[in-house]
Amino acid sequence: MSYDPRIATVSRAEFDELMAIVRAAPDDARPLSEDDRWRRDYQAEQERRRIVGYQQDLFASTAVTHYHRHRPAPSWDHTPPETIEAKLERIAGDPSATFGPPRSDRPAFLTKAERAAIVARAANWLRVRQRVRLIDGPGTVDPAYGIHRFLGRAGVVWRLCRGFDDHCYVFFDPAGGERTAKIEFVELRDLEPVR
């Protein structure tokens, strides 16, 4: 790419600096940590378990991949979704209505003290690779999306969060005909360790 002053929106010096960045060799990747290696190996093992085999096409088309079916997801009592009429009545004049219906047993927003207590309770078991089960979740706005779809399912703690100490990522075990990895951002108060 060469500098053309007729259409340029930056100076020649800025252009040269930007092109030096583009043409520079990429930085060396940081070395993998033990957790990074485990995540890579675990995900590869899960993919190997899902695949039964491949069927080649006789006419040189792409091969067909056959997958195992997994156990169905555990049945779990879901709260029924809110009707449109009830939602419209509830959100009238409420600026934070997008957070779903309030629950008396589960406040939507925690205080700093409540968050610290949750993190302290989880300190004994919270680590990468720990098996956990999702036992609760926030109220849903749309039943087709959200963490409540995984209620009752088990998985492993995939990654801890630096910015949100009271959250972590969980890699859920596949259920039914699922073929893709389900890695979800979950609150610690909604998890219990599986021993």
Protein backbone atom coordinates (compact mmCIF):
# COMPACT_ATOMS: atom_id res chain seq x y z
CA MET A 1 0.00 0.00 0.00
CA SER A 2 1.40 3.35 -0.92
CA TYR A 3 0.63 6.83 0.33
CA ASP A 4 -1.66 8.86 -1.96
CA PRO A 5 -1.98 12.51 -0.85
CA ARG A 6 -5.11 13.01 -3.00
CA ILE A 7 -7.23 10.68 -0.86
CA ALA A 8 -5.22 10.56 2.37
CA THR A 9 -6.86 11.57 5.64
CA VAL A 10 -3.63 11.36 7.66
CA SER A 11 -0.21 12.93 7.24
CA ARG A 12 2.66 11.12 5.53
CA ALA A 13 4.43 10.61 8.88
CA GLU A 14 1.32 9.07 10.48
CA PHE A 15 0.82 6.84 7.44
CA ASP A 16 4.42 5.58 7.64
CA GLU A 17 4.04 4.90 11.35
CA LEU A 18 0.79 2.96 10.82
CA MET A 19 2.28 0.93 7.97
CA ALA A 20 5.32 0.09 10.10
CA ILE A 21 2.96 -1.36 12.71
CA VAL A 22 1.05 -3.34 10.06
CA ARG A 23 4.20 -4.74 8.47
CA ALA A 24 5.97 -5.55 11.73
CA ALA A 25 6.36 -9.17 12.73
CA PRO A 26 3.79 -10.29 15.30
CA ASP A 27 4.87 -10.29 18.93
CA ASP A 28 5.75 -13.62 20.41
CA ALA A 29 2.72 -15.26 21.99
CA ARG A 30 2.86 -15.38 25.74
CA PRO A 31 3.74 -18.82 27.09
CA LEU A 32 0.78 -20.98 28.00
CA SER A 33 0.05 -21.36 31.68
CA GLU A 34 -0.88 -24.69 33.23
CA ASP A 35 -4.55 -23.65 33.17
CA ASP A 36 -4.27 -22.65 29.48
CA ARG A 37 -2.85 -26.08 28.62
CA TRP A 38 -5.59 -27.77 30.62
CA ARG A 39 -8.31 -25.73 28.86
CA ARG A 40 -6.89 -26.62 25.43
CA ASP A 41 -6.65 -30.33 26.29
CA TYR A 42 -10.08 -30.46 27.95
CA GLN A 43 -11.80 -28.82 24.99
CA ALA A 44 -10.04 -31.17 22.53
CA GLU A 45 -11.08 -34.17 24.63
CA GLN A 46 -14.70 -32.99 24.70
CA GLU A 47 -14.66 -32.63 20.91
CA ARG A 48 -13.20 -36.14 20.51
CA ARG A 49 -15.92 -37.58 22.76
CA ARG A 50 -18.71 -35.97 20.73
CA ILE A 51 -17.60 -37.32 17.35
CA VAL A 52 -18.51 -40.89 16.35
CA GLY A 53 -16.79 -40.77 12.98
CA TYR A 54 -16.72 -39.37 9.47
CA GLN A 55 -18.46 -40.63 6.35
CA GLN A 56 -16.73 -39.83 3.06
CA ASP A 57 -18.92 -38.84 0.15
CA LEU A 58 -18.66 -41.00 -2.99
CA PHE A 59 -18.64 -37.99 -5.29
CA ALA A 60 -15.85 -35.99 -3.63
CA SER A 61 -18.15 -33.72 -1.68
CA THR A 62 -17.37 -32.80 1.90
CA ALA A 63 -17.38 -35.58 4.48
CA VAL A 64 -20.30 -35.94 6.88
CA THR A 65 -19.47 -35.90 10.59
CA HIS A 66 -21.55 -38.13 12.86
CA TYR A 67 -21.96 -37.19 16.53
CA HIS A 68 -22.93 -39.07 19.71
CA ARG A 69 -26.17 -38.15 21.37
CA HIS A 70 -25.72 -37.20 25.01
CA ARG A 71 -27.96 -37.73 27.97
CA PRO A 72 -30.82 -35.23 28.02
CA ALA A 73 -30.48 -32.21 30.27
CA PRO A 74 -31.86 -32.77 33.78
CA SER A 75 -35.42 -31.69 34.34
CA TRP A 76 -35.62 -28.58 36.47
CA ASP A 77 -38.54 -26.56 37.72
CA HIS A 78 -38.41 -23.36 35.71
CA THR A 79 -40.41 -20.37 36.74
CA PRO A 80 -43.03 -19.77 34.07
CA PRO A 81 -42.18 -16.88 31.75
CA GLU A 82 -43.94 -13.62 32.38
CA THR A 83 -46.89 -12.81 30.14
CA ILE A 84 -46.69 -9.69 28.00
CA GLU A 85 -49.59 -8.06 29.88
CA ALA A 86 -47.96 -8.70 33.27
CA LYS A 87 -44.64 -7.39 32.00
CA LEU A 88 -46.17 -4.17 30.61
CA GLU A 89 -47.91 -3.58 33.93
CA ARG A 90 -44.69 -4.25 35.90
CA ILE A 91 -42.42 -2.01 33.80
CA ALA A 92 -44.67 1.03 33.66
CA GLY A 93 -42.39 3.91 34.69
CA ASP A 94 -39.50 1.65 35.78
CA PRO A 95 -36.15 2.53 34.11
CA SER A 96 -34.46 -0.74 35.18
CA ALA A 97 -37.23 -3.03 33.96
CA THR A 98 -35.02 -4.80 31.42
CA PHE A 99 -33.47 -6.89 34.20
CA GLY A 100 -36.41 -9.28 34.34
CA PRO A 101 -39.04 -9.85 36.99
CA PRO A 102 -37.88 -9.24 40.57
CA ARG A 103 -37.72 -12.18 42.97
CA SER A 104 -38.15 -11.93 46.71
CA ASP A 105 -35.62 -14.73 47.36
CA ARG A 106 -32.92 -13.37 45.04
CA PRO A 107 -32.10 -9.66 44.86
CA ALA A 108 -31.04 -8.47 41.40
CA PHE A 109 -28.26 -6.20 42.70
CA LEU A 110 -25.98 -7.19 45.56
CA THR A 111 -24.22 -4.86 47.96
CA LYS A 112 -20.43 -4.96 48.27
CA ALA A 113 -20.74 -6.78 51.60
CA GLU A 114 -23.02 -9.44 50.07
CA ARG A 115 -20.61 -9.93 47.16
CA ALA A 116 -17.66 -10.25 49.55
CA ALA A 117 -19.56 -12.85 51.58
CA ILE A 118 -20.31 -14.90 48.43
CA VAL A 119 -16.68 -14.80 47.33
CA ALA A 120 -15.51 -15.78 50.83
CA ARG A 121 -17.91 -18.77 50.90
CA ALA A 122 -16.66 -19.92 47.49
CA ALA A 123 -12.97 -19.53 48.39
CA ASN A 124 -12.76 -23.15 49.59
CA TRP A 125 -13.84 -24.70 46.31
CA LEU A 126 -13.52 -22.06 43.55
CA ARG A 127 -10.68 -22.96 41.21
CA VAL A 128 -10.26 -23.77 37.54
CA ARG A 129 -11.19 -27.43 36.77
CA GLN A 130 -13.63 -27.67 39.70
CA ARG A 131 -16.84 -29.56 38.83
CA VAL A 132 -19.91 -27.43 39.59
CA ARG A 133 -23.68 -27.52 39.09
CA LEU A 134 -25.91 -24.56 38.26
CA ILE A 135 -28.66 -24.43 40.89
CA ASP A 136 -30.21 -20.99 40.37
CA GLY A 137 -30.25 -18.08 37.98
CA PRO A 138 -31.67 -14.60 37.52
CA GLY A 139 -35.20 -14.04 36.33
CA THR A 140 -35.45 -14.28 32.59
CA VAL A 141 -36.57 -11.59 30.19
CA ASP A 142 -36.72 -13.93 27.19
CA PRO A 143 -37.02 -17.70 27.76
CA ALA A 144 -34.99 -18.46 24.62
CA TYR A 145 -31.85 -16.81 26.03
CA GLY A 146 -30.06 -16.60 29.34
CA ILE A 147 -28.33 -18.71 31.89
CA HIS A 148 -31.57 -20.27 33.16
CA ARG A 149 -31.46 -22.64 30.14
CA PHE A 150 -28.64 -24.50 31.92
CA LEU A 151 -30.32 -24.95 35.33
CA GLY A 152 -29.47 -28.30 36.87
CA ARG A 153 -26.57 -28.96 34.51
CA ALA A 154 -23.04 -29.75 35.60
CA GLY A 155 -19.78 -28.47 34.15
CA VAL A 156 -16.32 -27.30 35.10
CA VAL A 157 -15.07 -23.87 36.14
CA TRP A 158 -13.41 -22.75 32.93
CA ARG A 159 -11.93 -19.40 33.86
CA LEU A 160 -12.01 -17.05 36.84
CA CYS A 161 -12.82 -13.38 36.30
CA ARG A 162 -10.47 -10.66 37.42
CA GLY A 163 -12.88 -7.75 37.15
CA PHE A 164 -15.91 -9.58 38.55
CA ASP A 165 -14.80 -11.61 41.58
CA ASP A 166 -18.34 -12.91 42.12
CA HIS A 167 -18.54 -14.43 38.59
CA CYS A 168 -16.72 -17.13 36.64
CA TYR A 169 -16.97 -18.90 33.30
CA VAL A 170 -18.36 -22.45 33.32
CA PHE A 171 -17.90 -25.03 30.53
CA PHE A 172 -21.16 -27.02 30.69
CA ASP A 173 -21.28 -30.69 29.80
CA PRO A 174 -23.15 -31.35 26.54
CA ALA A 175 -26.76 -32.53 26.71
CA GLY A 176 -28.96 -34.08 24.06
CA GLY A 177 -27.80 -33.28 20.53
CA GLU A 178 -25.56 -30.33 21.43
CA ARG A 179 -22.41 -30.17 19.34
CA THR A 180 -20.82 -26.90 20.39
CA ALA A 181 -19.13 -25.92 23.63
CA LYS A 182 -21.36 -24.10 26.09
CA ILE A 183 -19.16 -21.68 28.04
CA GLU A 184 -21.28 -19.27 30.08
CA PHE A 185 -20.64 -16.35 32.44
CA VAL A 186 -22.20 -17.35 35.78
CA GLU A 187 -22.59 -15.76 39.20
CA LEU A 188 -20.96 -17.69 42.06
CA ARG A 189 -24.15 -17.55 44.11
CA ASP A 190 -25.82 -19.71 41.45
CA LEU A 191 -23.22 -22.51 41.60
CA GLU A 192 -22.58 -25.39 43.95
CA PRO A 193 -19.50 -27.62 43.85
CA VAL A 194 -19.94 -31.23 42.75
CA ARG A 195 -17.85 -33.59 44.81
